[in-house]
C-alpha cells in the first residue's frame, strides 16, 4: 500500500524524499526533524530541506516548544488545494508565455524566407507529436483531402479525435475522405452532414492503415501503428497528390 502511495505522490509532483517524509509525518502526526528522518529513512539534514519544501507547499507546518522545533502535517485534504494552486500557477505561466510569444511572433515570421520554394519536411513521433502534427490540418484553406481509416485513428488517439472533429467543424474546415469499409469508418460517415465531410469507400476488402491528409501546399502522412508522422510542405508534391486523389475520387461510387 505504501508503494502505491509513494507512486501517487510522485505523480502529483513530490520527489521520492518528499513523499517519504510526508508519509512518515502522517504516521507520526507531529515530530522533530530527527524523528521524521528516522521514520523516513533519510539523513536529518535532508529531512530539514524536504520539510521546508513541504511547508512552502502548504501541507506541513512547524512550531517551537521549549526551544525544540516540531513539525506536523496538515489534513491530507489540503493536497487537493495544493493541486488547485499548482494548476492556477501553471495556467498563469502558460498565459504569460503565450503573451510573450505573441509579442515577438511578427519578428519570428519575418525571419522566414517567404519566397523560398525549398520543400520543408517535419517529423513527429509518439502520441504527443502526432497530435501536434494533426493540429496543423486545422490551418487548411479550401479543405482537406484525406485517405482515412477511422478504426486505426481511434485506436491510436482515442481521446483526441472525437474532440478534433468538433473543433474542425467549428473552424469550418471541410474534408473529403476516402476510407476502407469497416464499422467505425461507416459510423463516422453517418455524421458527414454535421461534420462538413464528404465520404467515399474503397471496394470491399481493400484496406490501409496509415492516413494521408492533403491541404494547402502540405501533405501529412501519419502511421498510427508506428506512432510517427511526417508533414511535407511542397507545392509541387501537394499538387501531384491532389491530382491522384481527384482521379481516385471520381472513380469511386
C-alpha atoms as a PDB file:
ATOM      1  CA  UNK A   1       0.000   0.000   0.000  1.00  0.00           C
ATOM      2  CA  UNK A   2       2.844   2.370   0.890  1.00  0.00           C
ATOM      3  CA  UNK A   3       4.434   1.848  -2.538  1.00  0.00           C
ATOM      4  CA  UNK A   4       1.129   2.825  -4.145  1.00  0.00           C
ATOM      5  CA  UNK A   5       1.000   5.990  -2.041  1.00  0.00           C
ATOM      6  CA  UNK A   6       4.596   6.853  -2.945  1.00  0.00           C
ATOM      7  CA  UNK A   7       3.689   6.423  -6.632  1.00  0.00           C
ATOM      8  CA  UNK A   8       0.591   8.643  -6.362  1.00  0.00           C
ATOM      9  CA  UNK A   9       2.519  11.374  -4.557  1.00  0.00           C
ATOM     10  CA  UNK A  10       5.220  11.137  -7.225  1.00  0.00           C
ATOM     11  CA  UNK A  11       2.614  11.618  -9.938  1.00  0.00           C
ATOM     12  CA  UNK A  12       1.464  14.914  -8.390  1.00  0.00           C
ATOM     13  CA  UNK A  13       4.985  16.313  -8.241  1.00  0.00           C
ATOM     14  CA  UNK A  14       6.506  15.050  -4.990  1.00  0.00           C
ATOM     15  CA  UNK A  15      10.095  13.807  -5.131  1.00  0.00           C
ATOM     16  CA  UNK A  16      10.757  10.393  -3.547  1.00  0.00           C
ATOM     17  CA  UNK A  17      12.190  12.001  -0.391  1.00  0.00           C
ATOM     18  CA  UNK A  18       9.296  14.460  -0.149  1.00  0.00           C
ATOM     19  CA  UNK A  19       6.794  11.620  -0.421  1.00  0.00           C
ATOM     20  CA  UNK A  20       8.598   9.521   2.198  1.00  0.00           C
ATOM     21  CA  UNK A  21       8.821  12.442   4.641  1.00  0.00           C
ATOM     22  CA  UNK A  22       5.157  13.305   4.090  1.00  0.00           C
ATOM     23  CA  UNK A  23       4.018   9.735   4.739  1.00  0.00           C
ATOM     24  CA  UNK A  24       6.325   9.444   7.761  1.00  0.00           C
ATOM     25  CA  UNK A  25       4.855  12.592   9.263  1.00  0.00           C
ATOM     26  CA  UNK A  26       1.318  11.342   8.609  1.00  0.00           C
ATOM     27  CA  UNK A  27       2.132   8.284  10.692  1.00  0.00           C
ATOM     28  CA  UNK A  28       3.837  10.298  13.461  1.00  0.00           C
ATOM     29  CA  UNK A  29       1.270  13.160  13.469  1.00  0.00           C
ATOM     30  CA  UNK A  30       3.860  15.521  14.986  1.00  0.00           C
ATOM     31  CA  UNK A  31       7.590  15.036  15.440  1.00  0.00           C
ATOM     32  CA  UNK A  32      11.042  16.566  15.348  1.00  0.00           C
ATOM     33  CA  UNK A  33      13.151  16.512  12.206  1.00  0.00           C
ATOM     34  CA  UNK A  34      15.328  13.799  13.717  1.00  0.00           C
ATOM     35  CA  UNK A  35      12.327  11.560  14.411  1.00  0.00           C
ATOM     36  CA  UNK A  36      10.951  12.157  10.926  1.00  0.00           C
ATOM     37  CA  UNK A  37      14.340  11.398   9.340  1.00  0.00           C
ATOM     38  CA  UNK A  38      14.493   8.038  11.134  1.00  0.00           C
ATOM     39  CA  UNK A  39      10.945   7.149  10.157  1.00  0.00           C
ATOM     40  CA  UNK A  40      11.523   8.145   6.520  1.00  0.00           C
ATOM     41  CA  UNK A  41      14.977   6.523   6.472  1.00  0.00           C
ATOM     42  CA  UNK A  42      16.852   9.620   5.281  1.00  0.00           C
ATOM     43  CA  UNK A  43      19.533  11.743   6.948  1.00  0.00           C
ATOM     44  CA  UNK A  44      18.488  14.615   9.218  1.00  0.00           C
ATOM     45  CA  UNK A  45      19.981  17.361   7.010  1.00  0.00           C
ATOM     46  CA  UNK A  46      17.949  16.161   4.041  1.00  0.00           C
ATOM     47  CA  UNK A  47      14.859  15.931   6.251  1.00  0.00           C
ATOM     48  CA  UNK A  48      15.144  19.635   7.164  1.00  0.00           C
ATOM     49  CA  UNK A  49      15.443  20.634   3.494  1.00  0.00           C
ATOM     50  CA  UNK A  50      12.491  18.471   2.482  1.00  0.00           C
ATOM     51  CA  UNK A  51      10.326  19.722   5.339  1.00  0.00           C
ATOM     52  CA  UNK A  52      10.921  23.314   4.273  1.00  0.00           C
ATOM     53  CA  UNK A  53       9.749  22.435   0.752  1.00  0.00           C
ATOM     54  CA  UNK A  54       6.608  20.783   2.140  1.00  0.00           C
ATOM     55  CA  UNK A  55       5.946  23.830   4.332  1.00  0.00           C
ATOM     56  CA  UNK A  56       6.071  26.055   1.231  1.00  0.00           C
ATOM     57  CA  UNK A  57       3.586  23.729  -0.419  1.00  0.00           C
ATOM     58  CA  UNK A  58       1.229  24.217   2.490  1.00  0.00           C
ATOM     59  CA  UNK A  59       0.994  20.558   3.507  1.00  0.00           C
ATOM     60  CA  UNK A  60       3.287  20.751   6.576  1.00  0.00           C
ATOM     61  CA  UNK A  61       3.641  23.321   9.344  1.00  0.00           C
ATOM     62  CA  UNK A  62       6.059  23.783  12.245  1.00  0.00           C
ATOM     63  CA  UNK A  63       6.087  25.223  15.740  1.00  0.00           C
ATOM     64  CA  UNK A  64       8.529  25.606  18.629  1.00  0.00           C
ATOM     65  CA  UNK A  65       8.146  24.108  22.069  1.00  0.00           C
ATOM     66  CA  UNK A  66      10.838  24.639  24.722  1.00  0.00           C
ATOM     67  CA  UNK A  67      13.488  25.508  22.151  1.00  0.00           C
ATOM     68  CA  UNK A  68      12.694  22.405  20.065  1.00  0.00           C
ATOM     69  CA  UNK A  69      11.138  22.577  16.636  1.00  0.00           C
ATOM     70  CA  UNK A  70       8.257  20.238  15.902  1.00  0.00           C
ATOM     71  CA  UNK A  71       6.546  19.555  12.598  1.00  0.00           C
ATOM     72  CA  UNK A  72       3.016  18.424  11.953  1.00  0.00           C
ATOM     73  CA  UNK A  73       1.166  17.528   8.803  1.00  0.00           C
ATOM     74  CA  UNK A  74      -1.922  19.279   7.508  1.00  0.00           C
ATOM     75  CA  UNK A  75      -5.162  17.491   6.766  1.00  0.00           C
ATOM     76  CA  UNK A  76      -4.488  15.252   3.701  1.00  0.00           C
ATOM     77  CA  UNK A  77      -7.411  17.058   2.078  1.00  0.00           C
ATOM     78  CA  UNK A  78      -5.040  20.012   1.685  1.00  0.00           C
ATOM     79  CA  UNK A  79      -3.402  18.051  -1.145  1.00  0.00           C
ATOM     80  CA  UNK A  80      -6.404  18.874  -3.298  1.00  0.00           C
ATOM     81  CA  UNK A  81      -5.985  22.574  -2.523  1.00  0.00           C
ATOM     82  CA  UNK A  82      -2.282  22.230  -3.296  1.00  0.00           C
ATOM     83  CA  UNK A  83      -3.108  20.801  -6.739  1.00  0.00           C
ATOM     84  CA  UNK A  84      -5.583  23.617  -7.384  1.00  0.00           C
ATOM     85  CA  UNK A  85      -2.855  26.164  -6.635  1.00  0.00           C
ATOM     86  CA  UNK A  86      -0.429  24.281  -8.885  1.00  0.00           C
ATOM     87  CA  UNK A  87      -2.999  24.288 -11.690  1.00  0.00           C
ATOM     88  CA  UNK A  88      -3.620  28.032 -11.288  1.00  0.00           C
ATOM     89  CA  UNK A  89       0.127  28.767 -11.297  1.00  0.00           C
ATOM     90  CA  UNK A  90       0.622  26.602 -14.384  1.00  0.00           C
ATOM     91  CA  UNK A  91      -2.187  28.349 -16.267  1.00  0.00           C
ATOM     92  CA  UNK A  92      -0.752  31.759 -15.366  1.00  0.00           C
ATOM     93  CA  UNK A  93       2.669  30.660 -16.621  1.00  0.00           C
ATOM     94  CA  UNK A  94       1.218  29.404 -19.919  1.00  0.00           C
ATOM     95  CA  UNK A  95      -0.691  32.677 -20.411  1.00  0.00           C
ATOM     96  CA  UNK A  96       2.498  34.693 -19.814  1.00  0.00           C
ATOM     97  CA  UNK A  97       4.350  32.500 -22.308  1.00  0.00           C
ATOM     98  CA  UNK A  98       1.583  32.911 -24.895  1.00  0.00           C
ATOM     99  CA  UNK A  99       1.658  36.693 -24.446  1.00  0.00           C
ATOM    100  CA  UNK A 100       5.438  36.746 -24.815  1.00  0.00           C
ATOM    101  CA  UNK A 101       5.382  34.605 -27.971  1.00  0.00           C
ATOM    102  CA  UNK A 102       2.524  36.656 -29.493  1.00  0.00           C
ATOM    103  CA  UNK A 103       4.556  39.833 -28.949  1.00  0.00           C
ATOM    104  CA  UNK A 104       7.533  38.544 -30.948  1.00  0.00           C
ATOM    105  CA  UNK A 105       5.572  36.479 -33.496  1.00  0.00           C
ATOM    106  CA  UNK A 106       5.754  39.097 -36.293  1.00  0.00           C
ATOM    107  CA  UNK A 107       9.528  39.254 -35.850  1.00  0.00           C
ATOM    108  CA  UNK A 108       9.827  35.457 -35.876  1.00  0.00           C
ATOM    109  CA  UNK A 109       7.725  35.226 -39.045  1.00  0.00           C
ATOM    110  CA  UNK A 110       9.822  37.950 -40.709  1.00  0.00           C
ATOM    111  CA  UNK A 111      12.912  35.759 -40.284  1.00  0.00           C
ATOM    112  CA  UNK A 112      11.418  33.174 -42.643  1.00  0.00           C
ATOM    113  CA  UNK A 113      12.135  33.410 -46.354  1.00  0.00           C
ATOM    114  CA  UNK A 114       8.640  33.942 -47.779  1.00  0.00           C
ATOM    115  CA  UNK A 115       9.600  33.444 -51.425  1.00  0.00           C
ATOM    116  CA  UNK A 116      11.604  30.290 -50.834  1.00  0.00           C
ATOM    117  CA  UNK A 117      10.428  27.291 -52.880  1.00  0.00           C
ATOM    118  CA  UNK A 118      12.585  24.835 -50.954  1.00  0.00           C
ATOM    119  CA  UNK A 119      10.446  21.971 -49.605  1.00  0.00           C
ATOM    120  CA  UNK A 120      10.144  21.595 -45.844  1.00  0.00           C
ATOM    121  CA  UNK A 121       9.849  18.296 -44.018  1.00  0.00           C
ATOM    122  CA  UNK A 122       8.877  17.958 -40.362  1.00  0.00           C
ATOM    123  CA  UNK A 123       8.959  14.710 -38.385  1.00  0.00           C
ATOM    124  CA  UNK A 124       6.802  13.921 -35.349  1.00  0.00           C
ATOM    125  CA  UNK A 125       6.987  10.934 -33.003  1.00  0.00           C
ATOM    126  CA  UNK A 126       4.814   9.490 -30.241  1.00  0.00           C
ATOM    127  CA  UNK A 127       1.229  10.353 -29.356  1.00  0.00           C
ATOM    128  CA  UNK A 128       2.048  13.929 -28.389  1.00  0.00           C
ATOM    129  CA  UNK A 129       3.931  14.504 -31.642  1.00  0.00           C
ATOM    130  CA  UNK A 130       1.124  13.029 -33.712  1.00  0.00           C
ATOM    131  CA  UNK A 131      -1.446  15.262 -32.017  1.00  0.00           C
ATOM    132  CA  UNK A 132       0.771  18.253 -32.792  1.00  0.00           C
ATOM    133  CA  UNK A 133       1.081  17.205 -36.439  1.00  0.00           C
ATOM    134  CA  UNK A 134      -2.649  16.697 -36.791  1.00  0.00           C
ATOM    135  CA  UNK A 135      -3.372  20.122 -35.248  1.00  0.00           C
ATOM    136  CA  UNK A 136      -1.721  21.634 -38.330  1.00  0.00           C
ATOM    137  CA  UNK A 137      -4.588  20.368 -40.511  1.00  0.00           C
ATOM    138  CA  UNK A 138      -6.857  22.921 -38.837  1.00  0.00           C
ATOM    139  CA  UNK A 139      -4.960  25.604 -40.800  1.00  0.00           C
ATOM    140  CA  UNK A 140      -6.310  24.153 -44.069  1.00  0.00           C
ATOM    141  CA  UNK A 141      -7.674  26.693 -46.543  1.00  0.00           C
ATOM    142  CA  UNK A 142     -10.001  25.162 -49.080  1.00  0.00           C
ATOM    143  CA  UNK A 143     -10.498  21.937 -47.184  1.00  0.00           C
ATOM    144  CA  UNK A 144      -8.643  18.665 -46.663  1.00  0.00           C
ATOM    145  CA  UNK A 145      -8.358  15.666 -48.971  1.00  0.00           C
ATOM    146  CA  UNK A 146      -7.876  12.585 -46.820  1.00  0.00           C
ATOM    147  CA  UNK A 147      -7.210   8.893 -47.017  1.00  0.00           C
ATOM    148  CA  UNK A 148      -8.513   7.938 -43.579  1.00  0.00           C
ATOM    149  CA  UNK A 149      -9.137   4.731 -41.672  1.00  0.00           C
ATOM    150  CA  UNK A 150     -11.212   5.791 -38.658  1.00  0.00           C
ATOM    151  CA  UNK A 151     -10.617   2.459 -36.988  1.00  0.00           C
ATOM    152  CA  UNK A 152      -6.825   2.907 -36.764  1.00  0.00           C
ATOM    153  CA  UNK A 153      -7.145   6.633 -35.989  1.00  0.00           C
ATOM    154  CA  UNK A 154      -9.346   5.995 -32.965  1.00  0.00           C
ATOM    155  CA  UNK A 155      -7.158   3.104 -31.857  1.00  0.00           C
ATOM    156  CA  UNK A 156      -4.057   5.317 -31.855  1.00  0.00           C
ATOM    157  CA  UNK A 157      -5.544   8.516 -30.334  1.00  0.00           C
ATOM    158  CA  UNK A 158      -8.897   7.576 -28.753  1.00  0.00           C
ATOM    159  CA  UNK A 159      -9.218  10.789 -26.717  1.00  0.00           C
ATOM    160  CA  UNK A 160      -8.093  13.155 -29.460  1.00  0.00           C
ATOM    161  CA  UNK A 161     -10.339  12.509 -32.431  1.00  0.00           C
ATOM    162  CA  UNK A 162     -13.879  12.928 -31.115  1.00  0.00           C
ATOM    163  CA  UNK A 163     -12.829  16.357 -29.849  1.00  0.00           C
ATOM    164  CA  UNK A 164     -10.890  17.109 -33.054  1.00  0.00           C
ATOM    165  CA  UNK A 165     -13.986  16.574 -35.221  1.00  0.00           C
ATOM    166  CA  UNK A 166     -15.834  19.173 -33.149  1.00  0.00           C
ATOM    167  CA  UNK A 167     -13.037  21.734 -33.464  1.00  0.00           C
ATOM    168  CA  UNK A 168     -12.584  21.115 -37.196  1.00  0.00           C
ATOM    169  CA  UNK A 169     -16.297  21.679 -37.732  1.00  0.00           C
ATOM    170  CA  UNK A 170     -16.213  24.821 -35.608  1.00  0.00           C
ATOM    171  CA  UNK A 171     -13.300  26.140 -37.687  1.00  0.00           C
ATOM    172  CA  UNK A 172     -15.374  25.342 -40.826  1.00  0.00           C
ATOM    173  CA  UNK A 173     -12.600  23.209 -42.304  1.00  0.00           C
ATOM    174  CA  UNK A 174     -14.303  20.849 -44.762  1.00  0.00           C
ATOM    175  CA  UNK A 175     -12.919  17.438 -45.667  1.00  0.00           C
ATOM    176  CA  UNK A 176     -13.252  14.773 -48.343  1.00  0.00           C
ATOM    177  CA  UNK A 177     -12.425  11.304 -47.059  1.00  0.00           C
ATOM    178  CA  UNK A 178     -11.647   8.088 -48.903  1.00  0.00           C
ATOM    179  CA  UNK A 179     -11.988   5.241 -46.417  1.00  0.00           C
ATOM    180  CA  UNK A 180     -11.828   1.459 -46.249  1.00  0.00           C
ATOM    181  CA  UNK A 181     -15.048  -0.306 -45.387  1.00  0.00           C
ATOM    182  CA  UNK A 182     -15.138  -1.020 -41.670  1.00  0.00           C
ATOM    183  CA  UNK A 183     -17.626  -0.371 -38.900  1.00  0.00           C
ATOM    184  CA  UNK A 184     -16.017   2.740 -37.378  1.00  0.00           C
ATOM    185  CA  UNK A 185     -15.434   4.410 -40.748  1.00  0.00           C
ATOM    186  CA  UNK A 186     -19.064   3.872 -41.763  1.00  0.00           C
ATOM    187  CA  UNK A 187     -20.236   5.074 -38.350  1.00  0.00           C
ATOM    188  CA  UNK A 188     -18.210   8.276 -38.806  1.00  0.00           C
ATOM    189  CA  UNK A 189     -19.585   8.788 -42.305  1.00  0.00           C
ATOM    190  CA  UNK A 190     -23.088   8.824 -40.823  1.00  0.00           C
ATOM    191  CA  UNK A 191     -22.139  12.231 -39.355  1.00  0.00           C
ATOM    192  CA  UNK A 192     -20.914  13.689 -42.654  1.00  0.00           C
ATOM    193  CA  UNK A 193     -23.500  16.438 -42.844  1.00  0.00           C
ATOM    194  CA  UNK A 194     -22.913  17.941 -39.402  1.00  0.00           C
ATOM    195  CA  UNK A 195     -19.129  17.466 -39.639  1.00  0.00           C
ATOM    196  CA  UNK A 196     -18.876  19.076 -43.131  1.00  0.00           C
ATOM    197  CA  UNK A 197     -17.396  15.971 -44.669  1.00  0.00           C
ATOM    198  CA  UNK A 198     -17.917  14.009 -47.889  1.00  0.00           C
ATOM    199  CA  UNK A 199     -17.056  10.314 -47.699  1.00  0.00           C
ATOM    200  CA  UNK A 200     -16.410   7.607 -50.257  1.00  0.00           C
ATOM    201  CA  UNK A 201     -15.422   3.992 -49.628  1.00  0.00           C
ATOM    202  CA  UNK A 202     -12.946   1.690 -51.289  1.00  0.00           C
ATOM    203  CA  UNK A 203     -14.267  -1.630 -52.624  1.00  0.00           C
ATOM    204  CA  UNK A 204     -14.783  -4.359 -50.023  1.00  0.00           C
ATOM    205  CA  UNK A 205     -11.523  -5.972 -48.929  1.00  0.00           C
ATOM    206  CA  UNK A 206      -9.228  -3.078 -49.862  1.00  0.00           C
ATOM    207  CA  UNK A 207      -7.669  -1.877 -46.606  1.00  0.00           C
ATOM    208  CA  UNK A 208      -4.995   0.550 -45.479  1.00  0.00           C
ATOM    209  CA  UNK A 209      -3.774   1.583 -42.049  1.00  0.00           C
ATOM    210  CA  UNK A 210      -1.863   4.917 -42.335  1.00  0.00           C
ATOM    211  CA  UNK A 211      -3.509   8.249 -43.050  1.00  0.00           C
ATOM    212  CA  UNK A 212      -2.713  10.890 -45.654  1.00  0.00           C
ATOM    213  CA  UNK A 213      -4.083  14.443 -45.470  1.00  0.00           C
ATOM    214  CA  UNK A 214      -3.537  16.844 -48.381  1.00  0.00           C
ATOM    215  CA  UNK A 215      -4.167  20.530 -47.651  1.00  0.00           C
ATOM    216  CA  UNK A 216      -2.722  23.927 -48.556  1.00  0.00           C
ATOM    217  CA  UNK A 217       0.676  23.040 -50.030  1.00  0.00           C
ATOM    218  CA  UNK A 218       1.224  20.268 -47.492  1.00  0.00           C
ATOM    219  CA  UNK A 219       0.916  16.518 -47.240  1.00  0.00           C
ATOM    220  CA  UNK A 220       0.585  14.906 -43.806  1.00  0.00           C
ATOM    221  CA  UNK A 221       1.437  11.198 -43.649  1.00  0.00           C
ATOM    222  CA  UNK A 222       0.615   9.520 -40.341  1.00  0.00           C
ATOM    223  CA  UNK A 223       1.455   5.957 -39.346  1.00  0.00           C
ATOM    224  CA  UNK A 224      -0.886   5.171 -36.474  1.00  0.00           C
ATOM    225  CA  UNK A 225       0.698   1.788 -35.757  1.00  0.00           C
ATOM    226  CA  UNK A 226       4.254   3.140 -35.630  1.00  0.00           C
ATOM    227  CA  UNK A 227       3.211   6.359 -33.846  1.00  0.00           C
ATOM    228  CA  UNK A 228       5.017   8.695 -36.246  1.00  0.00           C
ATOM    229  CA  UNK A 229       4.016  11.405 -38.709  1.00  0.00           C
ATOM    230  CA  UNK A 230       5.617  13.491 -41.442  1.00  0.00           C
ATOM    231  CA  UNK A 231       4.448  16.813 -42.862  1.00  0.00           C
ATOM    232  CA  UNK A 232       5.887  17.631 -46.286  1.00  0.00           C
ATOM    233  CA  UNK A 233       5.432  21.224 -47.401  1.00  0.00           C
ATOM    234  CA  UNK A 234       5.928  21.331 -51.149  1.00  0.00           C
ATOM    235  CA  UNK A 235       3.535  22.822 -53.725  1.00  0.00           C
ATOM    236  CA  UNK A 236       4.807  20.507 -56.446  1.00  0.00           C
ATOM    237  CA  UNK A 237       4.348  17.373 -54.336  1.00  0.00           C
ATOM    238  CA  UNK A 238       0.986  18.513 -52.927  1.00  0.00           C
ATOM    239  CA  UNK A 239      -0.319  19.287 -56.419  1.00  0.00           C
ATOM    240  CA  UNK A 240       0.595  15.773 -57.608  1.00  0.00           C
ATOM    241  CA  UNK A 241      -1.082  14.200 -54.568  1.00  0.00           C
ATOM    242  CA  UNK A 242      -4.217  16.312 -55.168  1.00  0.00           C
ATOM    243  CA  UNK A 243      -4.342  15.176 -58.819  1.00  0.00           C
ATOM    244  CA  UNK A 244      -4.023  11.499 -57.838  1.00  0.00           C
ATOM    245  CA  UNK A 245      -6.671  11.939 -55.168  1.00  0.00           C
ATOM    246  CA  UNK A 246      -9.157  13.543 -57.548  1.00  0.00           C
ATOM    247  CA  UNK A 247      -8.672  10.772 -60.103  1.00  0.00           C
ATOM    248  CA  UNK A 248      -9.469   8.122 -57.490  1.00  0.00           C
ATOM    249  CA  UNK A 249     -12.344  10.147 -56.022  1.00  0.00           C
ATOM    250  CA  UNK A 250     -14.042  10.374 -59.412  1.00  0.00           C
ATOM    251  CA  UNK A 251     -13.779   6.596 -59.956  1.00  0.00           C
ATOM    252  CA  UNK A 252     -15.344   5.685 -56.606  1.00  0.00           C
ATOM    253  CA  UNK A 253     -19.097   5.491 -56.120  1.00  0.00           C
END
